[in-house]
Protein backbone atom coordinates (compact mmCIF):
# COMPACT_ATOMS: atom_id res chain seq x y z
CA LEU A 1 9.50 24.15 1.41
CA ARG A 2 9.78 21.57 -1.39
CA GLY A 3 12.88 20.13 -0.19
CA ASP A 4 11.21 19.72 3.22
CA PHE A 5 8.59 17.69 2.05
CA ARG A 6 10.70 15.57 -0.31
CA PHE A 7 9.71 12.05 0.33
CA ARG A 8 10.50 8.53 -0.41
CA ALA A 9 7.66 5.86 -1.30
CA GLY A 10 6.18 4.43 1.69
CA GLN A 11 6.58 7.27 3.95
CA HIS A 12 3.45 8.97 5.76
CA VAL A 13 2.90 12.46 6.77
CA ALA A 14 0.87 13.69 10.09
CA LEU A 15 -2.13 15.96 9.63
CA ARG A 16 -3.20 18.16 12.56
CA THR A 17 -5.94 20.34 13.29
CA VAL A 18 -8.47 21.55 15.98
CA MET A 19 -12.01 20.56 16.21
CA ASP A 20 -14.28 21.64 18.55
CA GLY A 21 -11.49 22.92 20.64
CA LYS A 22 -9.22 19.90 20.83
CA GLU A 23 -6.12 19.16 19.04
CA GLU A 24 -6.55 16.10 16.71
CA ARG A 25 -3.55 14.51 14.89
CA ARG A 26 -3.59 11.71 12.42
CA THR A 27 -0.87 9.89 10.12
CA TYR A 28 -1.63 9.22 6.54
CA SER A 29 0.49 7.23 4.11
CA ILE A 30 1.60 8.97 0.95
CA VAL A 31 0.21 7.40 -2.10
CA ASN A 32 2.23 9.32 -4.87
CA ALA A 33 5.56 7.60 -6.35
CA GLU A 34 8.84 9.29 -5.57
CA GLY A 35 9.46 12.70 -7.37
CA ALA A 36 5.88 13.65 -7.72
CA GLU A 37 4.83 17.30 -7.54
CA GLU A 38 2.04 16.50 -5.24
CA LEU A 39 1.11 14.76 -2.06
CA THR A 40 -1.93 12.44 -2.24
CA ILE A 41 -3.03 10.57 0.68
CA GLY A 42 -5.89 8.29 0.88
CA ILE A 43 -8.71 8.72 3.93
CA ARG A 44 -11.23 6.24 4.71
CA ALA A 45 -13.73 7.34 7.12
CA GLN A 46 -13.62 4.88 10.10
CA ASP A 47 -16.53 4.33 12.55
CA GLY A 48 -15.67 6.64 15.26
CA GLY A 49 -13.03 8.06 13.72
CA ARG A 50 -13.22 12.10 14.16
CA MET A 51 -10.63 13.01 12.21
CA SER A 52 -11.16 10.55 9.27
CA LYS A 53 -14.76 11.48 8.99
CA TYR A 54 -14.11 15.12 9.03
CA LEU A 55 -11.36 15.15 6.28
CA ALA A 56 -13.44 12.43 4.02
CA GLN A 57 -16.91 14.17 4.60
CA HIS A 58 -16.51 17.77 5.74
CA ALA A 59 -13.38 19.18 4.76
CA THR A 60 -13.24 21.88 1.80
CA VAL A 61 -11.12 23.09 -0.65
CA GLY A 62 -8.73 26.01 0.65
CA GLU A 63 -8.95 24.80 4.13
CA MET A 64 -5.59 25.13 6.37
CA LEU A 65 -4.47 21.98 7.64
CA ASP A 66 -1.04 21.82 9.78
CA VAL A 67 1.01 18.88 7.71
CA MET A 68 4.20 17.70 9.27
CA THR A 69 7.21 16.83 7.21
CA PRO A 70 7.40 13.17 5.53
CA ASN A 71 8.51 10.51 8.11
CA GLY A 72 8.60 6.66 8.19
CA SER A 73 10.87 3.67 7.38
CA PHE A 74 8.49 1.65 5.25
CA HIS A 75 10.17 1.68 2.01
CA ALA A 76 12.31 -0.17 -0.35
CA THR A 77 15.90 -0.49 0.99
CA GLY A 78 17.71 -0.80 -2.51
CA ALA A 79 18.54 2.07 -4.49
CA PRO A 80 15.67 3.66 -6.71
CA ALA A 81 17.62 2.95 -9.91
CA GLN A 82 18.40 -0.50 -8.82
CA ALA A 83 16.40 -3.60 -10.75
CA GLY A 84 14.50 -5.78 -8.36
CA ARG A 85 11.99 -8.23 -8.13
CA TYR A 86 9.27 -7.19 -5.49
CA ALA A 87 6.02 -8.60 -3.93
CA ALA A 88 3.57 -6.89 -1.57
CA PHE A 89 0.54 -8.01 0.49
CA ALA A 90 -1.67 -5.25 1.46
CA ALA A 91 -5.43 -5.44 2.93
CA GLY A 92 -7.71 -2.20 2.99
CA SER A 93 -6.09 0.98 3.53
CA GLY A 94 -2.65 -0.77 3.50
CA ILE A 95 -2.71 -0.08 -0.29
CA THR A 96 -1.57 3.27 0.11
CA PRO A 97 2.11 3.25 1.09
CA VAL A 98 2.33 -0.09 -1.14
CA LEU A 99 1.08 1.68 -4.31
CA ALA A 100 3.59 4.26 -4.04
CA ILE A 101 6.40 1.85 -3.54
CA ALA A 102 5.17 -0.31 -6.43
CA ALA A 103 4.89 3.00 -8.66
CA THR A 104 8.38 3.84 -7.73
CA ALA A 105 10.11 0.46 -8.25
CA LEU A 106 8.45 0.24 -11.77
CA GLU A 107 9.19 3.78 -12.89
CA SER A 108 12.81 3.43 -11.79
CA HIS A 109 13.85 0.82 -13.53
CA PRO A 110 12.71 -0.91 -16.79
CA ASP A 111 13.93 -4.47 -15.61
CA SER A 112 12.05 -4.30 -12.10
CA ARG A 113 8.92 -6.39 -11.59
CA PHE A 114 6.37 -5.95 -8.94
CA GLN A 115 3.65 -8.70 -7.73
CA LEU A 116 0.63 -7.36 -5.80
CA TYR A 117 -1.69 -9.35 -3.49
CA TYR A 118 -4.73 -6.92 -2.47
CA GLY A 119 -7.24 -7.84 -0.07
CA ASN A 120 -10.59 -6.47 0.66
CA THR A 121 -14.17 -7.33 1.33
CA SER A 122 -15.54 -6.56 -1.95
CA THR A 123 -14.45 -4.69 -4.87
CA ALA A 124 -16.43 -1.46 -3.86
CA ARG A 125 -14.27 -1.27 -0.74
CA ALA A 126 -11.21 -1.55 -2.62
CA MET A 127 -9.31 1.83 -2.08
CA PHE A 128 -7.49 3.13 -5.14
CA LEU A 129 -8.60 0.59 -7.49
CA GLU A 130 -8.51 2.37 -10.75
CA GLU A 131 -4.96 3.47 -9.80
CA VAL A 132 -4.07 -0.12 -9.29
CA LEU A 133 -5.61 -0.98 -12.72
CA ALA A 134 -4.17 1.77 -14.45
CA LEU A 135 -0.50 0.99 -13.26
CA LYS A 136 -1.10 -2.90 -14.14
CA ASP A 137 -2.07 -1.41 -17.68
CA ARG A 138 1.07 0.98 -17.83
CA PHE A 139 3.57 -1.80 -16.74
CA LEU A 140 2.34 -5.03 -18.57
CA PRO A 141 3.85 -7.26 -18.21
CA ARG A 142 6.12 -6.15 -15.29
CA PHE A 143 3.27 -5.61 -12.81
CA SER A 144 0.84 -8.21 -11.80
CA VAL A 145 -2.18 -8.04 -9.30
CA CYS A 146 -4.24 -10.58 -7.72
CA PHE A 147 -7.43 -9.16 -5.96
CA VAL A 148 -8.36 -11.47 -3.15
CA MET A 149 -12.00 -10.81 -1.73
CA SER A 150 -13.45 -12.01 1.74
CA ARG A 151 -17.22 -11.32 0.66
CA GLU A 152 -17.11 -11.08 -3.10
CA PRO A 153 -16.84 -14.61 -4.80
CA GLN A 154 -14.12 -14.82 -7.37
CA GLU A 155 -13.71 -16.93 -10.42
CA VAL A 156 -10.44 -18.20 -9.41
CA GLU A 157 -11.18 -19.94 -5.93
CA TRP A 158 -7.87 -19.40 -4.55
CA PHE A 159 -8.41 -15.41 -4.74
CA ASN A 160 -11.49 -16.10 -2.13
CA GLY A 161 -11.05 -15.38 1.42
CA ARG A 162 -8.44 -13.51 3.39
CA ILE A 163 -4.58 -13.04 3.31
CA ASP A 164 -3.26 -15.10 6.07
CA ALA A 165 -0.96 -18.20 6.22
CA ALA A 166 -3.07 -20.43 4.32
CA LYS A 167 -3.38 -18.08 1.73
CA ILE A 168 0.37 -17.20 1.35
CA ARG A 169 1.10 -20.93 1.01
CA GLU A 170 -1.46 -21.25 -1.82
CA PHE A 171 0.13 -18.16 -3.61
CA ALA A 172 3.50 -20.05 -3.38
CA ARG A 173 2.28 -23.07 -4.95
CA HIS A 174 0.69 -21.31 -7.70
CA ASP A 175 2.65 -17.89 -8.93
CA LEU A 176 4.75 -16.58 -6.18
CA ALA A 177 8.33 -17.72 -6.28
CA VAL A 178 9.16 -16.76 -2.67
CA ALA A 179 12.98 -17.61 -2.82
CA GLY A 180 13.60 -15.27 -5.89
CA ILE A 181 11.90 -12.28 -4.64
CA ASP A 182 14.36 -9.29 -3.65
CA GLU A 183 12.11 -7.53 -1.29
CA PHE A 184 8.67 -8.20 0.58
CA PHE A 185 6.21 -5.23 1.69
CA ILE A 186 3.34 -6.29 3.92
CA CYS A 187 0.78 -3.61 5.18
CA GLY A 188 -2.68 -4.66 6.75
CA PRO A 189 -4.83 -4.85 9.88
CA GLY A 190 -3.99 -6.59 13.08
CA THR A 191 -1.61 -9.44 13.05
CA MET A 192 -1.61 -9.74 9.18
CA ALA A 193 2.21 -8.38 8.82
CA ALA A 194 3.57 -10.81 11.63
CA ILE A 195 1.53 -13.66 10.37
CA VAL A 196 2.70 -13.20 6.45
CA GLN A 197 6.13 -12.48 7.48
CA ALA A 198 6.32 -15.47 9.48
CA VAL A 199 5.05 -17.68 6.57
CA LEU A 200 7.37 -16.03 4.13
CA ALA A 201 10.61 -16.91 6.20
CA GLU A 202 9.09 -20.59 6.38
CA LEU A 203 9.14 -20.86 2.60
CA GLY A 204 12.49 -19.36 2.13
CA ALA A 205 12.18 -15.57 1.93
CA CYS A 206 15.63 -13.98 2.12
CA GLY A 207 16.24 -11.52 4.80
């Protein structure tokens, strides 16, 4: 099934299992860069989340789960071997597809550059923090990351708060050349994607 499970960075898989006689199905983004030999997903236990709590706290090595083939259109539109300038805004578990996209873009072409703005309540709540920092160390100076915390004071004032319209405008005044970015990726809770997309368009984002 190796060919069936070949994926593009940013896609997801659906997991299915039966719990207490009831079928449960949830989708989780793939974290790996394209071409990886494994499929890695990130699961955060949610309040009232039957599947997430089960997988994060009770699933055991060797247990069998139904896994659907990769799906989804949240990925780079350009060819993997094409150099580009990318920027992404992720909050919470939204880092999972973005991490895969960033790693793939950076590995695919030596001239690609990637800026990541990653929002969380605190460092302790940041998913895949070690992987993000490892990617930064590996691809200096082509990969930059700004951590935005809503409940953990940062030394740089404009890294405090949430990723919203005002924060995007602040990024644009400091280190984000909006018009020079080939492709943006936005993944976060609620209306974040719509708000960020609207501000980027206002600031001159292409496409």
